[in-house]
C-alpha atoms as a PDB file:
ATOM      1  CA  GLN A   1      11.898 -28.763  -8.493  1.00  0.00           C
ATOM      2  CA  VAL A   2       9.412 -25.965  -7.914  1.00  0.00           C
ATOM      3  CA  GLN A   3      10.902 -22.552  -7.244  1.00  0.00           C
ATOM      4  CA  LEU A   4       9.326 -19.199  -6.550  1.00  0.00           C
ATOM      5  CA  VAL A   5      11.576 -16.152  -6.548  1.00  0.00           C
ATOM      6  CA  GLU A   6      10.276 -12.741  -5.540  1.00  0.00           C
ATOM      7  CA  SER A   7      11.759  -9.401  -6.506  1.00  0.00           C
ATOM      8  CA  GLY A   8      10.849  -5.737  -6.525  1.00  0.00           C
ATOM      9  CA  GLY A   9      10.792  -4.907  -2.841  1.00  0.00           C
ATOM     10  CA  ASP A  10      12.173  -1.517  -1.891  1.00  0.00           C
ATOM     11  CA  LEU A  11      11.974   1.483   0.399  1.00  0.00           C
ATOM     12  CA  VAL A  12       9.187   3.789  -0.742  1.00  0.00           C
ATOM     13  CA  GLN A  13       7.493   6.885   0.612  1.00  0.00           C
ATOM     14  CA  ILE A  14       3.928   6.996   1.863  1.00  0.00           C
ATOM     15  CA  GLY A  15       1.583   7.187  -1.105  1.00  0.00           C
ATOM     16  CA  GLY A  16       4.126   5.675  -3.464  1.00  0.00           C
ATOM     17  CA  SER A  17       3.896   2.604  -5.660  1.00  0.00           C
ATOM     18  CA  LEU A  18       5.807  -0.618  -6.128  1.00  0.00           C
ATOM     19  CA  ARG A  19       5.463  -3.626  -8.383  1.00  0.00           C
ATOM     20  CA  LEU A  20       6.504  -6.983  -7.006  1.00  0.00           C
ATOM     21  CA  SER A  21       7.298  -9.923  -9.244  1.00  0.00           C
ATOM     22  CA  CYS A  22       7.391 -13.639  -8.563  1.00  0.00           C
ATOM     23  CA  ALA A  23       9.137 -15.915 -11.049  1.00  0.00           C
ATOM     24  CA  VAL A  24       7.624 -19.410 -10.962  1.00  0.00           C
ATOM     25  CA  SER A  25       9.354 -22.501 -12.284  1.00  0.00           C
ATOM     26  CA  GLY A  26       9.100 -26.259 -11.951  1.00  0.00           C
ATOM     27  CA  PHE A  27       5.353 -26.790 -12.369  1.00  0.00           C
ATOM     28  CA  THR A  28       4.276 -28.903 -15.325  1.00  0.00           C
ATOM     29  CA  ASP A  29       1.009 -26.983 -15.730  1.00  0.00           C
ATOM     30  CA  ASP A  30      -0.645 -23.835 -14.407  1.00  0.00           C
ATOM     31  CA  HIS A  31      -3.414 -25.569 -12.437  1.00  0.00           C
ATOM     32  CA  TYR A  32      -2.610 -24.217  -9.001  1.00  0.00           C
ATOM     33  CA  ALA A  33      -3.599 -21.398  -6.734  1.00  0.00           C
ATOM     34  CA  ILE A  34      -1.080 -18.663  -6.185  1.00  0.00           C
ATOM     35  CA  GLY A  35      -0.897 -15.446  -4.281  1.00  0.00           C
ATOM     36  CA  TRP A  36       0.910 -12.928  -2.161  1.00  0.00           C
ATOM     37  CA  PHE A  37       1.339 -13.063   1.594  1.00  0.00           C
ATOM     38  CA  ARG A  38       3.138 -10.708   3.934  1.00  0.00           C
ATOM     39  CA  GLN A  39       4.637 -10.722   7.389  1.00  0.00           C
ATOM     40  CA  ALA A  40       5.304  -7.572   9.371  1.00  0.00           C
ATOM     41  CA  PRO A  41       7.721  -7.560  12.329  1.00  0.00           C
ATOM     42  CA  GLY A  42       6.141  -9.177  15.363  1.00  0.00           C
ATOM     43  CA  LYS A  43       3.032 -10.225  13.450  1.00  0.00           C
ATOM     44  CA  GLU A  44       1.766 -13.407  11.872  1.00  0.00           C
ATOM     45  CA  ARG A  45       1.993 -13.976   8.157  1.00  0.00           C
ATOM     46  CA  GLU A  46      -1.223 -12.959   6.408  1.00  0.00           C
ATOM     47  CA  GLY A  47      -2.720 -13.375   2.984  1.00  0.00           C
ATOM     48  CA  VAL A  48      -2.799 -10.242   0.859  1.00  0.00           C
ATOM     49  CA  VAL A  49      -4.292 -11.247  -2.472  1.00  0.00           C
ATOM     50  CA  CYS A  50      -4.594 -14.615  -4.185  1.00  0.00           C
ATOM     51  CA  ILE A  51      -5.839 -16.209  -7.386  1.00  0.00           C
ATOM     52  CA  ASN A  52      -7.426 -19.643  -7.135  1.00  0.00           C
ATOM     53  CA  ASN A  53      -7.489 -22.381  -9.790  1.00  0.00           C
ATOM     54  CA  ASN A  54     -10.586 -20.860 -11.380  1.00  0.00           C
ATOM     55  CA  GLY A  55      -9.029 -17.420 -11.654  1.00  0.00           C
ATOM     56  CA  THR A  56     -11.102 -15.964  -8.828  1.00  0.00           C
ATOM     57  CA  ILE A  57      -9.255 -13.264  -6.944  1.00  0.00           C
ATOM     58  CA  TYR A  58      -9.437 -12.891  -3.175  1.00  0.00           C
ATOM     59  CA  ASP A  59      -7.963  -9.811  -1.513  1.00  0.00           C
ATOM     60  CA  ARG A  60      -8.035  -8.553   2.046  1.00  0.00           C
ATOM     61  CA  ASP A  61     -10.093  -5.476   2.805  1.00  0.00           C
ATOM     62  CA  SER A  62      -7.119  -3.325   3.739  1.00  0.00           C
ATOM     63  CA  VAL A  63      -5.662  -3.518   0.221  1.00  0.00           C
ATOM     64  CA  LYS A  64      -8.840  -3.361  -1.866  1.00  0.00           C
ATOM     65  CA  GLY A  65      -8.593  -0.643  -4.485  1.00  0.00           C
ATOM     66  CA  ARG A  66      -4.852  -0.245  -3.901  1.00  0.00           C
ATOM     67  CA  PHE A  67      -3.244  -3.608  -4.740  1.00  0.00           C
ATOM     68  CA  THR A  68      -3.725  -5.523  -7.978  1.00  0.00           C
ATOM     69  CA  ILE A  69      -2.597  -9.076  -8.663  1.00  0.00           C
ATOM     70  CA  SER A  70      -1.858 -10.294 -12.160  1.00  0.00           C
ATOM     71  CA  ARG A  71      -0.374 -13.314 -13.833  1.00  0.00           C
ATOM     72  CA  ASP A  72       1.184 -13.757 -17.217  1.00  0.00           C
ATOM     73  CA  ASN A  73      -0.533 -16.104 -19.675  1.00  0.00           C
ATOM     74  CA  ALA A  74       2.179 -18.726 -19.432  1.00  0.00           C
ATOM     75  CA  GLY A  75       1.877 -18.841 -15.656  1.00  0.00           C
ATOM     76  CA  ARG A  76       5.575 -18.178 -15.287  1.00  0.00           C
ATOM     77  CA  SER A  77       5.245 -14.901 -13.435  1.00  0.00           C
ATOM     78  CA  LEU A  78       2.998 -13.384 -10.806  1.00  0.00           C
ATOM     79  CA  TYR A  79       2.845  -9.691 -10.118  1.00  0.00           C
ATOM     80  CA  LEU A  80       1.563  -7.422  -7.372  1.00  0.00           C
ATOM     81  CA  GLN A  81       1.015  -3.788  -8.238  1.00  0.00           C
ATOM     82  CA  MET A  82       0.849  -1.793  -5.022  1.00  0.00           C
ATOM     83  CA  ASN A  83      -0.366   1.795  -5.074  1.00  0.00           C
ATOM     84  CA  SER A  84      -1.073   4.366  -2.378  1.00  0.00           C
ATOM     85  CA  LEU A  85       1.246   2.560  -0.007  1.00  0.00           C
ATOM     86  CA  LYS A  86       0.842   3.072   3.719  1.00  0.00           C
ATOM     87  CA  PRO A  87       3.242   2.484   6.630  1.00  0.00           C
ATOM     88  CA  GLU A  88       1.124  -0.512   7.660  1.00  0.00           C
ATOM     89  CA  ASP A  89       2.005  -2.158   4.338  1.00  0.00           C
ATOM     90  CA  THR A  90       5.593  -2.514   5.540  1.00  0.00           C
ATOM     91  CA  ALA A  91       6.429  -6.212   5.605  1.00  0.00           C
ATOM     92  CA  VAL A  92       8.277  -9.015   3.919  1.00  0.00           C
ATOM     93  CA  TYR A  93       6.144 -10.079   0.975  1.00  0.00           C
ATOM     94  CA  TYR A  94       6.059 -13.715  -0.035  1.00  0.00           C
ATOM     95  CA  CYS A  95       4.763 -15.490  -3.088  1.00  0.00           C
ATOM     96  CA  LYS A  96       3.052 -18.821  -2.391  1.00  0.00           C
ATOM     97  CA  ALA A  97       1.661 -21.507  -4.657  1.00  0.00           C
ATOM     98  CA  LEU A  98      -0.704 -24.268  -3.556  1.00  0.00           C
ATOM     99  CA  LYS A  99      -1.004 -27.430  -5.626  1.00  0.00           C
ATOM    100  CA  LEU A 100      -2.418 -30.790  -4.581  1.00  0.00           C
ATOM    101  CA  GLY A 101      -2.370 -29.778  -0.935  1.00  0.00           C
ATOM    102  CA  ARG A 102       1.254 -28.722  -0.893  1.00  0.00           C
ATOM    103  CA  ASN A 103       2.493 -25.177  -0.303  1.00  0.00           C
ATOM    104  CA  TYR A 104       5.463 -23.744  -2.138  1.00  0.00           C
ATOM    105  CA  TRP A 105       6.977 -20.530  -0.774  1.00  0.00           C
ATOM    106  CA  GLY A 106       9.437 -18.026  -2.101  1.00  0.00           C
ATOM    107  CA  GLN A 107      12.138 -16.451   0.031  1.00  0.00           C
ATOM    108  CA  GLY A 108      10.390 -13.079   0.338  1.00  0.00           C
ATOM    109  CA  THR A 109      11.135  -9.493  -0.590  1.00  0.00           C
ATOM    110  CA  GLN A 110      11.169  -6.551   1.822  1.00  0.00           C
ATOM    111  CA  VAL A 111       8.791  -3.643   1.329  1.00  0.00           C
ATOM    112  CA  THR A 112       9.283  -0.653   3.594  1.00  0.00           C
ATOM    113  CA  VAL A 113       6.947   2.341   3.500  1.00  0.00           C
ATOM    114  CA  SER A 114       8.393   5.358   5.207  1.00  0.00           C
ATOM    115  CA  SER A 115       7.551   8.980   5.692  1.00  0.00           C
END
C-alpha cells in the first residue's frame, strides 16, 4: 500500500525558513512524478513545485528562488526547503505522487507564516 507522510510544518516568522519532508513507501520503483501542493484557507489546492519522471522540476512563479525541491537517491523521501517565507505561503502543504494515472496524497502539514 502506497503511503506518503509529510512532516516539518510549523509556525515561522516572516522571512524565516522551514524544511518539509515527505516519507514515501509502497512503490516498487521510483518511476513516478512527485511534488508539493498547498491549500490556503478558502482557496483551491495549488501546485507548488514538482519533479516529473524525467527529473524535470516545475515550480510556480511565486516560489521561484525561494523554494527548493529535492529527493533522496532511493526515492524514499521528498523534501521542500522553503526560505524567505511570506504570509501568503501560509497553507497546508501536501505531498502528492502520480503513477500510472493515479494520484497518491499525504495527509498534509500546516505551515503558518506570521509577523
